[in-house]
Amino acid sequence: KWGLLTLQSSGRFVIDRQALIPFLDEMKVRLTKASTIFEWIEIYNQYIAFFMRNFGKCANILGTYHVEQMIETFQFLHGYVFAETKGNALTVLTSRILQQFPAYLTEEICEAWCYWPLTQGGLGFKNIYLTLNGYQQWLLTEKITTFNHLPARDVEDYAHIVEKYNQTKKGDRRKYLKEYLHDDGTLISFDEYIKDRETIFSHWTDVYKNMLTITPTSLPQMTNHLKDRIDIVQNEETDMSFHQHRRQKSDSNSYIEWLICYYGEQIESTFNKLNFIDSDNLPTGLIMLMKTSKIDWNKEKKDDH
């Protein structure tokens, strides 16, 4: 057992949902006691980030199983914490906003605005399913080579060596096939050839390394229109223009791209443009303070005494 994960005899890590319950109960209390909308969102976001870290990063070797398990677990925890809305955290958030500002909100709250980045005039409410979808899409579209097909390749490669051995003159064999010959010039057997193959054959070691690689996030299919939208937001967000090496971006930038892909059109239709807030008018210092602030995890314990 490791934190919230249990290693089964099959080699799979399983998320222990029962171990989640104390954290979910604590999360419910903290959300209920939040005095402001931004505090509520920050508590939610930090708990989601906490769970994401403790569910473990997905390596290619785990395949889609672990990502699907994470998706199901986040659905479970949302259903537990927000039982009154059948797991819909956004509904709870918008209800709090309407209760706190009834005189200023006469129309339905734009869903995309809740998820839009703080630095872009949104509320910065995290949609974890965008991140999980990115992982899942990558695993579904990228074919991961496993060890299953490698023994057949070894047989094929050895057959080529045997053929070359038979076609090469006896005096030249040591020149071209030295690593496959015994001291007396005879060819090594197949069993000798594949001895320690897991460490000496590049096609084995490459597969091993790739299977242990952390799964990257797939990115939305790029169109000129989406590229323009990403340019607008990222120029505001990071003051850096869009570039070609998209797969080298961090998870946070990948998240922004999925956010724009899913919600950019709704933002434009609601506010007429993506950059609907002049960044000079945003309290940048306050936003950065909010984004870097940490939850006092001992606060509930102090309050109980």
C-alpha atoms as a PDB file:
ATOM      1  CA  LYS A   1       0.000   0.000   0.000  1.00  0.00           C
ATOM      2  CA  TRP A   2       1.254   3.457  -0.921  1.00  0.00           C
ATOM      3  CA  GLY A   3      -0.852   6.393   0.250  1.00  0.00           C
ATOM      4  CA  LEU A   4      -4.216   6.135  -1.495  1.00  0.00           C
ATOM      5  CA  LEU A   5      -2.975   3.368  -3.803  1.00  0.00           C
ATOM      6  CA  THR A   6      -2.917  -0.385  -3.260  1.00  0.00           C
ATOM      7  CA  LEU A   7      -0.719  -2.644  -5.385  1.00  0.00           C
ATOM      8  CA  GLN A   8      -2.595  -5.797  -6.361  1.00  0.00           C
ATOM      9  CA  SER A   9      -1.000  -9.166  -7.115  1.00  0.00           C
ATOM     10  CA  SER A  10      -1.778  -8.541 -10.798  1.00  0.00           C
ATOM     11  CA  GLY A  11       0.659  -5.624 -10.727  1.00  0.00           C
ATOM     12  CA  ARG A  12      -2.041  -2.978 -11.020  1.00  0.00           C
ATOM     13  CA  PHE A  13      -2.406  -0.035  -8.672  1.00  0.00           C
ATOM     14  CA  VAL A  14      -5.940   0.402  -7.376  1.00  0.00           C
ATOM     15  CA  ILE A  15      -7.207   3.594  -5.757  1.00  0.00           C
ATOM     16  CA  ASP A  16      -8.519   2.865  -2.269  1.00  0.00           C
ATOM     17  CA  ARG A  17     -11.836   4.693  -2.158  1.00  0.00           C
ATOM     18  CA  GLN A  18     -12.385   3.977   1.516  1.00  0.00           C
ATOM     19  CA  ALA A  19      -9.129   5.793   2.284  1.00  0.00           C
ATOM     20  CA  LEU A  20     -10.565   8.808   0.450  1.00  0.00           C
ATOM     21  CA  ILE A  21     -13.546   9.234   2.763  1.00  0.00           C
ATOM     22  CA  PRO A  22     -11.788  11.153   5.597  1.00  0.00           C
ATOM     23  CA  PHE A  23     -10.333  13.589   3.053  1.00  0.00           C
ATOM     24  CA  LEU A  24     -13.707  14.021   1.359  1.00  0.00           C
ATOM     25  CA  ASP A  25     -15.435  14.692   4.685  1.00  0.00           C
ATOM     26  CA  GLU A  26     -12.773  17.278   5.462  1.00  0.00           C
ATOM     27  CA  MET A  27     -13.195  18.822   2.010  1.00  0.00           C
ATOM     28  CA  LYS A  28     -16.962  19.156   2.533  1.00  0.00           C
ATOM     29  CA  VAL A  29     -16.445  20.961   5.850  1.00  0.00           C
ATOM     30  CA  ARG A  30     -13.882  23.370   4.424  1.00  0.00           C
ATOM     31  CA  LEU A  31     -16.051  24.190   1.403  1.00  0.00           C
ATOM     32  CA  THR A  32     -19.054  24.821   3.649  1.00  0.00           C
ATOM     33  CA  LYS A  33     -17.023  27.188   5.838  1.00  0.00           C
ATOM     34  CA  ALA A  34     -15.545  29.137   2.897  1.00  0.00           C
ATOM     35  CA  SER A  35     -16.483  32.788   3.357  1.00  0.00           C
ATOM     36  CA  THR A  36     -15.943  33.967  -0.231  1.00  0.00           C
ATOM     37  CA  ILE A  37     -16.412  32.590  -3.734  1.00  0.00           C
ATOM     38  CA  PHE A  38     -12.691  32.723  -4.455  1.00  0.00           C
ATOM     39  CA  GLU A  39     -11.880  30.920  -1.206  1.00  0.00           C
ATOM     40  CA  TRP A  40     -14.385  28.200  -2.109  1.00  0.00           C
ATOM     41  CA  ILE A  41     -12.813  27.767  -5.558  1.00  0.00           C
ATOM     42  CA  GLU A  42      -9.273  27.741  -4.163  1.00  0.00           C
ATOM     43  CA  ILE A  43     -10.174  25.069  -1.604  1.00  0.00           C
ATOM     44  CA  TYR A  44     -11.795  22.969  -4.328  1.00  0.00           C
ATOM     45  CA  ASN A  45      -8.849  23.382  -6.722  1.00  0.00           C
ATOM     46  CA  GLN A  46      -6.270  22.494  -4.090  1.00  0.00           C
ATOM     47  CA  TYR A  47      -8.113  19.358  -3.040  1.00  0.00           C
ATOM     48  CA  ILE A  48      -8.442  18.279  -6.674  1.00  0.00           C
ATOM     49  CA  ALA A  49      -4.700  18.854  -7.154  1.00  0.00           C
ATOM     50  CA  PHE A  50      -4.013  16.892  -3.952  1.00  0.00           C
ATOM     51  CA  PHE A  51      -6.041  13.924  -5.166  1.00  0.00           C
ATOM     52  CA  MET A  52      -4.461  14.088  -8.611  1.00  0.00           C
ATOM     53  CA  ARG A  53      -0.974  13.885  -7.082  1.00  0.00           C
ATOM     54  CA  ASN A  54      -1.900  11.039  -4.758  1.00  0.00           C
ATOM     55  CA  PHE A  55      -3.594   8.962  -7.447  1.00  0.00           C
ATOM     56  CA  GLY A  56      -0.172   8.749  -9.058  1.00  0.00           C
ATOM     57  CA  LYS A  57       1.038   9.918 -12.434  1.00  0.00           C
ATOM     58  CA  CYS A  58       0.043   7.606 -15.238  1.00  0.00           C
ATOM     59  CA  ALA A  59       2.902   5.754 -16.934  1.00  0.00           C
ATOM     60  CA  ASN A  60       2.478   4.209 -20.377  1.00  0.00           C
ATOM     61  CA  ILE A  61       2.772   0.723 -18.886  1.00  0.00           C
ATOM     62  CA  LEU A  62      -0.503   1.225 -16.994  1.00  0.00           C
ATOM     63  CA  GLY A  63      -2.395   1.871 -20.216  1.00  0.00           C
ATOM     64  CA  THR A  64      -5.902   3.307 -20.206  1.00  0.00           C
ATOM     65  CA  TYR A  65      -6.843   1.309 -17.089  1.00  0.00           C
ATOM     66  CA  HIS A  66      -5.339   3.745 -14.599  1.00  0.00           C
ATOM     67  CA  VAL A  67      -6.722   6.845 -16.350  1.00  0.00           C
ATOM     68  CA  GLU A  68     -10.201   5.316 -16.528  1.00  0.00           C
ATOM     69  CA  GLN A  69      -9.910   4.424 -12.836  1.00  0.00           C
ATOM     70  CA  MET A  70      -8.980   8.035 -12.041  1.00  0.00           C
ATOM     71  CA  ILE A  71     -11.962   9.331 -14.024  1.00  0.00           C
ATOM     72  CA  GLU A  72     -14.317   6.966 -12.167  1.00  0.00           C
ATOM     73  CA  THR A  73     -12.787   7.940  -8.818  1.00  0.00           C
ATOM     74  CA  PHE A  74     -13.197  11.667  -9.472  1.00  0.00           C
ATOM     75  CA  GLN A  75     -16.825  10.973 -10.391  1.00  0.00           C
ATOM     76  CA  PHE A  76     -17.184   9.086  -7.100  1.00  0.00           C
ATOM     77  CA  LEU A  77     -15.630  11.851  -4.995  1.00  0.00           C
ATOM     78  CA  HIS A  78     -17.729  14.528  -6.702  1.00  0.00           C
ATOM     79  CA  GLY A  79     -20.833  12.445  -6.038  1.00  0.00           C
ATOM     80  CA  TYR A  80     -19.810  12.112  -2.385  1.00  0.00           C
ATOM     81  CA  VAL A  81     -18.911  15.762  -1.742  1.00  0.00           C
ATOM     82  CA  PHE A  82     -21.732  17.255  -3.837  1.00  0.00           C
ATOM     83  CA  ALA A  83     -24.438  14.672  -3.249  1.00  0.00           C
ATOM     84  CA  GLU A  84     -27.167  17.336  -3.260  1.00  0.00           C
ATOM     85  CA  THR A  85     -26.470  18.081  -6.943  1.00  0.00           C
ATOM     86  CA  LYS A  86     -25.619  14.492  -7.918  1.00  0.00           C
ATOM     87  CA  GLY A  87     -21.922  15.312  -8.161  1.00  0.00           C
ATOM     88  CA  ASN A  88     -22.195  18.593 -10.056  1.00  0.00           C
ATOM     89  CA  ALA A  89     -19.686  20.942  -8.402  1.00  0.00           C
ATOM     90  CA  LEU A  90     -20.378  23.688 -10.941  1.00  0.00           C
ATOM     91  CA  THR A  91     -24.039  23.836  -9.917  1.00  0.00           C
ATOM     92  CA  VAL A  92     -23.010  24.292  -6.283  1.00  0.00           C
ATOM     93  CA  LEU A  93     -20.595  27.063  -7.254  1.00  0.00           C
ATOM     94  CA  THR A  94     -23.100  28.977  -9.379  1.00  0.00           C
ATOM     95  CA  SER A  95     -25.721  28.661  -6.623  1.00  0.00           C
ATOM     96  CA  ARG A  96     -23.305  30.226  -4.140  1.00  0.00           C
ATOM     97  CA  ILE A  97     -22.583  33.060  -6.565  1.00  0.00           C
ATOM     98  CA  LEU A  98     -26.290  33.757  -7.084  1.00  0.00           C
ATOM     99  CA  GLN A  99     -26.918  33.685  -3.330  1.00  0.00           C
ATOM    100  CA  GLN A 100     -24.048  36.055  -2.623  1.00  0.00           C
ATOM    101  CA  PHE A 101     -24.745  38.496  -5.471  1.00  0.00           C
ATOM    102  CA  PRO A 102     -28.501  38.300  -6.183  1.00  0.00           C
ATOM    103  CA  ALA A 103     -28.803  41.959  -7.142  1.00  0.00           C
ATOM    104  CA  TYR A 104     -26.048  41.858  -9.773  1.00  0.00           C
ATOM    105  CA  LEU A 105     -26.823  38.622 -11.605  1.00  0.00           C
ATOM    106  CA  THR A 106     -30.096  38.569 -13.482  1.00  0.00           C
ATOM    107  CA  GLU A 107     -29.098  36.107 -16.220  1.00  0.00           C
ATOM    108  CA  GLU A 108     -27.794  32.544 -16.205  1.00  0.00           C
ATOM    109  CA  ILE A 109     -24.099  32.348 -15.325  1.00  0.00           C
ATOM    110  CA  CYS A 110     -21.843  31.419 -18.231  1.00  0.00           C
ATOM    111  CA  GLU A 111     -20.322  27.990 -17.529  1.00  0.00           C
ATOM    112  CA  ALA A 112     -17.166  28.803 -19.489  1.00  0.00           C
ATOM    113  CA  TRP A 113     -16.573  31.941 -17.392  1.00  0.00           C
ATOM    114  CA  CYS A 114     -16.317  29.797 -14.247  1.00  0.00           C
ATOM    115  CA  TYR A 115     -13.554  27.682 -15.803  1.00  0.00           C
ATOM    116  CA  TRP A 116     -11.799  30.563 -17.582  1.00  0.00           C
ATOM    117  CA  PRO A 117      -8.375  31.519 -16.083  1.00  0.00           C
ATOM    118  CA  LEU A 118      -8.265  34.096 -13.299  1.00  0.00           C
ATOM    119  CA  THR A 119      -5.730  36.101 -15.268  1.00  0.00           C
ATOM    120  CA  GLN A 120      -8.223  36.296 -18.145  1.00  0.00           C
ATOM    121  CA  GLY A 121     -11.111  37.584 -16.053  1.00  0.00           C
ATOM    122  CA  GLY A 122     -12.615  34.189 -15.223  1.00  0.00           C
ATOM    123  CA  LEU A 123     -12.965  32.398 -11.887  1.00  0.00           C
ATOM    124  CA  GLY A 124     -10.229  29.813 -12.491  1.00  0.00           C
ATOM    125  CA  PHE A 125     -12.435  26.876 -11.439  1.00  0.00           C
ATOM    126  CA  LYS A 126     -10.533  23.678 -12.312  1.00  0.00           C
ATOM    127  CA  ASN A 127     -12.103  21.165 -14.690  1.00  0.00           C
ATOM    128  CA  ILE A 128     -10.030  18.063 -13.951  1.00  0.00           C
ATOM    129  CA  TYR A 129     -11.806  16.067 -16.643  1.00  0.00           C
ATOM    130  CA  LEU A 130     -10.089  18.122 -19.348  1.00  0.00           C
ATOM    131  CA  THR A 131      -6.713  16.953 -18.039  1.00  0.00           C
ATOM    132  CA  LEU A 132      -7.830  13.338 -17.704  1.00  0.00           C
ATOM    133  CA  ASN A 133      -9.332  13.402 -21.182  1.00  0.00           C
ATOM    134  CA  GLY A 134      -5.968  14.554 -22.534  1.00  0.00           C
ATOM    135  CA  TYR A 135      -4.234  11.527 -20.995  1.00  0.00           C
ATOM    136  CA  GLN A 136      -6.928   9.141 -22.168  1.00  0.00           C
ATOM    137  CA  GLN A 137      -6.909  10.453 -25.743  1.00  0.00           C
ATOM    138  CA  TRP A 138      -3.132  10.062 -25.984  1.00  0.00           C
ATOM    139  CA  LEU A 139      -3.264   6.446 -24.796  1.00  0.00           C
ATOM    140  CA  LEU A 140      -6.116   5.626 -27.173  1.00  0.00           C
ATOM    141  CA  THR A 141      -4.453   7.139 -30.243  1.00  0.00           C
ATOM    142  CA  GLU A 142      -0.785   6.303 -29.637  1.00  0.00           C
ATOM    143  CA  LYS A 143       0.067   2.641 -30.046  1.00  0.00           C
ATOM    144  CA  ILE A 144       2.287   1.532 -27.163  1.00  0.00           C
ATOM    145  CA  THR A 145       4.698  -1.248 -28.110  1.00  0.00           C
ATOM    146  CA  THR A 146       4.839  -4.014 -25.509  1.00  0.00           C
ATOM    147  CA  PHE A 147       7.184  -6.954 -24.959  1.00  0.00           C
ATOM    148  CA  ASN A 148       4.735  -9.406 -26.559  1.00  0.00           C
ATOM    149  CA  HIS A 149       6.067  -8.975 -30.103  1.00  0.00           C
ATOM    150  CA  LEU A 150       9.761  -8.812 -29.261  1.00  0.00           C
ATOM    151  CA  PRO A 151      10.532 -12.573 -29.006  1.00  0.00           C
ATOM    152  CA  ALA A 152       9.336 -12.998 -32.603  1.00  0.00           C
ATOM    153  CA  ARG A 153      11.732 -10.263 -33.675  1.00  0.00           C
ATOM    154  CA  ASP A 154      14.573 -12.053 -31.877  1.00  0.00           C
ATOM    155  CA  VAL A 155      13.798 -15.216 -33.856  1.00  0.00           C
ATOM    156  CA  GLU A 156      13.799 -13.224 -37.084  1.00  0.00           C
ATOM    157  CA  ASP A 157      17.049 -11.418 -36.259  1.00  0.00           C
ATOM    158  CA  TYR A 158      18.758 -14.680 -35.324  1.00  0.00           C
ATOM    159  CA  ALA A 159      17.613 -16.255 -38.592  1.00  0.00           C
ATOM    160  CA  HIS A 160      19.330 -13.403 -40.483  1.00  0.00           C
ATOM    161  CA  ILE A 161      22.531 -14.040 -38.502  1.00  0.00           C
ATOM    162  CA  VAL A 162      22.396 -17.757 -39.356  1.00  0.00           C
ATOM    163  CA  GLU A 163      21.850 -16.918 -43.013  1.00  0.00           C
ATOM    164  CA  LYS A 164      24.774 -14.499 -43.030  1.00  0.00           C
ATOM    165  CA  TYR A 165      26.933 -17.073 -41.226  1.00  0.00           C
ATOM    166  CA  ASN A 166      26.187 -19.702 -43.868  1.00  0.00           C
ATOM    167  CA  GLN A 167      26.810 -17.293 -46.740  1.00  0.00           C
ATOM    168  CA  THR A 168      30.078 -15.881 -45.381  1.00  0.00           C
ATOM    169  CA  LYS A 169      33.375 -17.552 -46.128  1.00  0.00           C
ATOM    170  CA  LYS A 170      34.887 -19.282 -43.122  1.00  0.00           C
ATOM    171  CA  GLY A 171      37.899 -16.955 -43.069  1.00  0.00           C
ATOM    172  CA  ASP A 172      35.694 -13.835 -43.065  1.00  0.00           C
ATOM    173  CA  ARG A 173      33.198 -14.911 -40.422  1.00  0.00           C
ATOM    174  CA  ARG A 174      35.182 -13.539 -37.492  1.00  0.00           C
ATOM    175  CA  LYS A 175      35.496 -10.215 -39.308  1.00  0.00           C
ATOM    176  CA  TYR A 176      31.739  -9.750 -39.768  1.00  0.00           C
ATOM    177  CA  LEU A 177      30.182 -11.964 -37.084  1.00  0.00           C
ATOM    178  CA  LYS A 178      32.703 -11.883 -34.234  1.00  0.00           C
ATOM    179  CA  GLU A 179      30.173 -11.151 -31.480  1.00  0.00           C
ATOM    180  CA  TYR A 180      28.108 -14.203 -32.482  1.00  0.00           C
ATOM    181  CA  LEU A 181      30.949 -16.761 -32.637  1.00  0.00           C
ATOM    182  CA  HIS A 182      32.498 -19.147 -30.141  1.00  0.00           C
ATOM    183  CA  ASP A 183      36.267 -19.276 -29.785  1.00  0.00           C
ATOM    184  CA  ASP A 184      36.355 -22.200 -32.218  1.00  0.00           C
ATOM    185  CA  GLY A 185      34.443 -20.210 -34.844  1.00  0.00           C
ATOM    186  CA  THR A 186      31.111 -21.995 -34.457  1.00  0.00           C
ATOM    187  CA  LEU A 187      27.909 -19.950 -34.287  1.00  0.00           C
ATOM    188  CA  ILE A 188      26.290 -19.372 -30.902  1.00  0.00           C
ATOM    189  CA  SER A 189      22.925 -21.048 -30.291  1.00  0.00           C
ATOM    190  CA  PHE A 190      19.642 -19.149 -30.196  1.00  0.00           C
ATOM    191  CA  ASP A 191      19.486 -19.532 -26.409  1.00  0.00           C
ATOM    192  CA  GLU A 192      22.963 -18.008 -26.151  1.00  0.00           C
ATOM    193  CA  TYR A 193      21.917 -15.224 -28.518  1.00  0.00           C
ATOM    194  CA  ILE A 194      18.938 -14.157 -26.412  1.00  0.00           C
ATOM    195  CA  LYS A 195      20.724 -14.430 -23.069  1.00  0.00           C
ATOM    196  CA  ASP A 196      20.441 -11.051 -21.270  1.00  0.00           C
ATOM    197  CA  ARG A 197      18.454  -9.677 -24.225  1.00  0.00           C
ATOM    198  CA  GLU A 198      16.474  -7.423 -21.873  1.00  0.00           C
ATOM    199  CA  THR A 199      19.620  -5.379 -21.207  1.00  0.00           C
ATOM    200  CA  ILE A 200      21.715  -5.718 -24.373  1.00  0.00           C
ATOM    201  CA  PHE A 201      19.162  -5.488 -27.206  1.00  0.00           C
ATOM    202  CA  SER A 202      18.110  -1.900 -27.933  1.00  0.00           C
ATOM    203  CA  HIS A 203      14.630  -2.942 -29.094  1.00  0.00           C
ATOM    204  CA  TRP A 204      14.052  -4.427 -25.619  1.00  0.00           C
ATOM    205  CA  THR A 205      15.543  -1.567 -23.603  1.00  0.00           C
ATOM    206  CA  ASP A 206      13.746   1.063 -25.726  1.00  0.00           C
ATOM    207  CA  VAL A 207      10.376  -0.568 -25.073  1.00  0.00           C
ATOM    208  CA  TYR A 208      11.160  -0.832 -21.358  1.00  0.00           C
ATOM    209  CA  LYS A 209      12.070   2.855 -21.116  1.00  0.00           C
ATOM    210  CA  ASN A 210       9.001   3.904 -23.100  1.00  0.00           C
ATOM    211  CA  MET A 211       6.681   1.857 -20.907  1.00  0.00           C
ATOM    212  CA  LEU A 212       8.021   3.624 -17.810  1.00  0.00           C
ATOM    213  CA  THR A 213       7.638   7.063 -19.390  1.00  0.00           C
ATOM    214  CA  ILE A 214       4.999   9.331 -17.841  1.00  0.00           C
ATOM    215  CA  THR A 215       2.055   9.552 -20.221  1.00  0.00           C
ATOM    216  CA  PRO A 216       1.916  12.966 -21.910  1.00  0.00           C
ATOM    217  CA  THR A 217      -1.340  14.768 -22.529  1.00  0.00           C
ATOM    218  CA  SER A 218      -2.822  14.683 -25.979  1.00  0.00           C
ATOM    219  CA  LEU A 219      -3.606  18.098 -27.425  1.00  0.00           C
ATOM    220  CA  PRO A 220      -6.703  19.240 -29.318  1.00  0.00           C
ATOM    221  CA  GLN A 221      -6.667  18.844 -33.078  1.00  0.00           C
ATOM    222  CA  MET A 222      -5.276  22.111 -34.338  1.00  0.00           C
ATOM    223  CA  THR A 223      -7.205  24.359 -36.708  1.00  0.00           C
ATOM    224  CA  ASN A 224      -6.358  27.895 -37.774  1.00  0.00           C
ATOM    225  CA  HIS A 225      -9.281  29.210 -35.739  1.00  0.00           C
ATOM    226  CA  LEU A 226      -8.226  27.324 -32.605  1.00  0.00           C
ATOM    227  CA  LYS A 227      -4.620  28.432 -33.103  1.00  0.00           C
ATOM    228  CA  ASP A 228      -5.760  32.067 -33.241  1.00  0.00           C
ATOM    229  CA  ARG A 229      -7.740  31.620 -30.031  1.00  0.00           C
ATOM    230  CA  ILE A 230      -4.786  29.992 -28.274  1.00  0.00           C
ATOM    231  CA  ASP A 231      -2.526  32.818 -29.428  1.00  0.00           C
ATOM    232  CA  ILE A 232      -4.847  35.413 -27.934  1.00  0.00           C
ATOM    233  CA  VAL A 233      -5.098  33.706 -24.547  1.00  0.00           C
ATOM    234  CA  GLN A 234      -1.497  32.569 -24.219  1.00  0.00           C
ATOM    235  CA  ASN A 235      -0.129  35.941 -25.262  1.00  0.00           C
ATOM    236  CA  GLU A 236      -2.103  37.396 -22.385  1.00  0.00           C
ATOM    237  CA  GLU A 237      -1.352  34.510 -20.022  1.00  0.00           C
ATOM    238  CA  THR A 238       2.391  34.102 -20.568  1.00  0.00           C
ATOM    239  CA  ASP A 239       3.356  36.913 -22.948  1.00  0.00           C
ATOM    240  CA  MET A 240       4.695  34.208 -25.251  1.00  0.00           C
ATOM    241  CA  SER A 241       3.394  33.484 -28.750  1.00  0.00           C
ATOM    242  CA  PHE A 242       2.256  30.106 -29.974  1.00  0.00           C
ATOM    243  CA  HIS A 243       5.049  27.909 -31.307  1.00  0.00           C
ATOM    244  CA  GLN A 244       5.382  24.619 -33.141  1.00  0.00           C
ATOM    245  CA  HIS A 245       6.809  22.455 -30.346  1.00  0.00           C
ATOM    246  CA  ARG A 246       3.421  21.923 -28.761  1.00  0.00           C
ATOM    247  CA  ARG A 247       4.193  18.515 -27.280  1.00  0.00           C
ATOM    248  CA  GLN A 248       6.980  20.012 -25.200  1.00  0.00           C
ATOM    249  CA  LYS A 249       4.550  22.187 -23.261  1.00  0.00           C
ATOM    250  CA  SER A 250       3.773  21.720 -19.619  1.00  0.00           C
ATOM    251  CA  ASP A 251       0.530  20.177 -18.400  1.00  0.00           C
ATOM    252  CA  SER A 252      -0.746  23.624 -17.457  1.00  0.00           C
ATOM    253  CA  ASN A 253      -0.390  24.880 -21.021  1.00  0.00           C
ATOM    254  CA  SER A 254      -2.001  21.697 -22.353  1.00  0.00           C
ATOM    255  CA  TYR A 255      -4.890  22.340 -19.989  1.00  0.00           C
ATOM    256  CA  ILE A 256      -5.250  25.876 -21.354  1.00  0.00           C
ATOM    257  CA  GLU A 257      -5.462  24.518 -24.900  1.00  0.00           C
ATOM    258  CA  TRP A 258      -8.216  22.059 -23.988  1.00  0.00           C
ATOM    259  CA  LEU A 259      -9.981  24.827 -22.070  1.00  0.00           C
ATOM    260  CA  ILE A 260      -9.954  27.055 -25.142  1.00  0.00           C
ATOM    261  CA  CYS A 261     -11.026  24.171 -27.376  1.00  0.00           C
ATOM    262  CA  TYR A 262     -14.069  23.361 -25.228  1.00  0.00           C
ATOM    263  CA  TYR A 263     -15.065  26.788 -23.928  1.00  0.00           C
ATOM    264  CA  GLY A 264     -13.558  29.381 -26.265  1.00  0.00           C
ATOM    265  CA  GLU A 265     -16.646  29.594 -28.459  1.00  0.00           C
ATOM    266  CA  GLN A 266     -18.934  30.058 -25.443  1.00  0.00           C
ATOM    267  CA  ILE A 267     -16.711  32.843 -24.096  1.00  0.00           C
ATOM    268  CA  GLU A 268     -16.756  34.604 -27.472  1.00  0.00           C
ATOM    269  CA  SER A 269     -20.525  34.294 -27.828  1.00  0.00           C
ATOM    270  CA  THR A 270     -21.073  35.615 -24.284  1.00  0.00           C
ATOM    271  CA  PHE A 271     -18.465  38.398 -24.122  1.00  0.00           C
ATOM    272  CA  ASN A 272     -17.895  38.944 -27.881  1.00  0.00           C
ATOM    273  CA  LYS A 273     -14.161  38.214 -27.557  1.00  0.00           C
ATOM    274  CA  LEU A 274     -11.745  36.021 -25.611  1.00  0.00           C
ATOM    275  CA  ASN A 275      -9.731  38.826 -24.043  1.00  0.00           C
ATOM    276  CA  PHE A 276     -12.827  40.540 -22.674  1.00  0.00           C
ATOM    277  CA  ILE A 277     -10.919  41.972 -19.694  1.00  0.00           C
ATOM    278  CA  ASP A 278      -8.119  44.504 -19.959  1.00  0.00           C
ATOM    279  CA  SER A 279      -5.234  42.843 -18.131  1.00  0.00           C
ATOM    280  CA  ASP A 280      -4.103  46.249 -16.851  1.00  0.00           C
ATOM    281  CA  ASN A 281      -7.314  46.467 -14.843  1.00  0.00           C
ATOM    282  CA  LEU A 282      -6.839  43.093 -13.149  1.00  0.00           C
ATOM    283  CA  PRO A 283      -5.413  42.981  -9.590  1.00  0.00           C
ATOM    284  CA  THR A 284      -2.434  40.905 -10.742  1.00  0.00           C
ATOM    285  CA  GLY A 285      -0.722  40.893  -7.355  1.00  0.00           C
ATOM    286  CA  LEU A 286      -3.860  39.667  -5.607  1.00  0.00           C
ATOM    287  CA  ILE A 287      -4.399  36.978  -8.242  1.00  0.00           C
ATOM    288  CA  MET A 288      -0.843  35.684  -7.874  1.00  0.00           C
ATOM    289  CA  LEU A 289      -1.228  35.669  -4.088  1.00  0.00           C
ATOM    290  CA  MET A 290      -4.409  33.626  -4.404  1.00  0.00           C
ATOM    291  CA  LYS A 291      -2.807  31.180  -6.836  1.00  0.00           C
ATOM    292  CA  THR A 292       0.229  30.600  -4.617  1.00  0.00           C
ATOM    293  CA  SER A 293      -1.575  30.524  -1.271  1.00  0.00           C
ATOM    294  CA  LYS A 294      -1.719  27.219   0.566  1.00  0.00           C
ATOM    295  CA  ILE A 295      -4.465  25.634   2.584  1.00  0.00           C
ATOM    296  CA  ASP A 296      -3.786  25.456   6.313  1.00  0.00           C
ATOM    297  CA  TRP A 297      -4.297  21.706   6.577  1.00  0.00           C
ATOM    298  CA  ASN A 298      -4.247  21.906  10.377  1.00  0.00           C
ATOM    299  CA  LYS A 299      -6.945  24.552  10.600  1.00  0.00           C
ATOM    300  CA  GLU A 300      -9.796  22.099  11.145  1.00  0.00           C
ATOM    301  CA  LYS A 301      -7.865  20.356  13.893  1.00  0.00           C
ATOM    302  CA  LYS A 302      -7.195  23.691  15.606  1.00  0.00           C
ATOM    303  CA  ASP A 303     -10.859  24.654  15.323  1.00  0.00           C
ATOM    304  CA  ASP A 304     -11.918  21.352  16.881  1.00  0.00           C
ATOM    305  CA  HIS A 305      -9.926  21.981  20.057  1.00  0.00           C
END
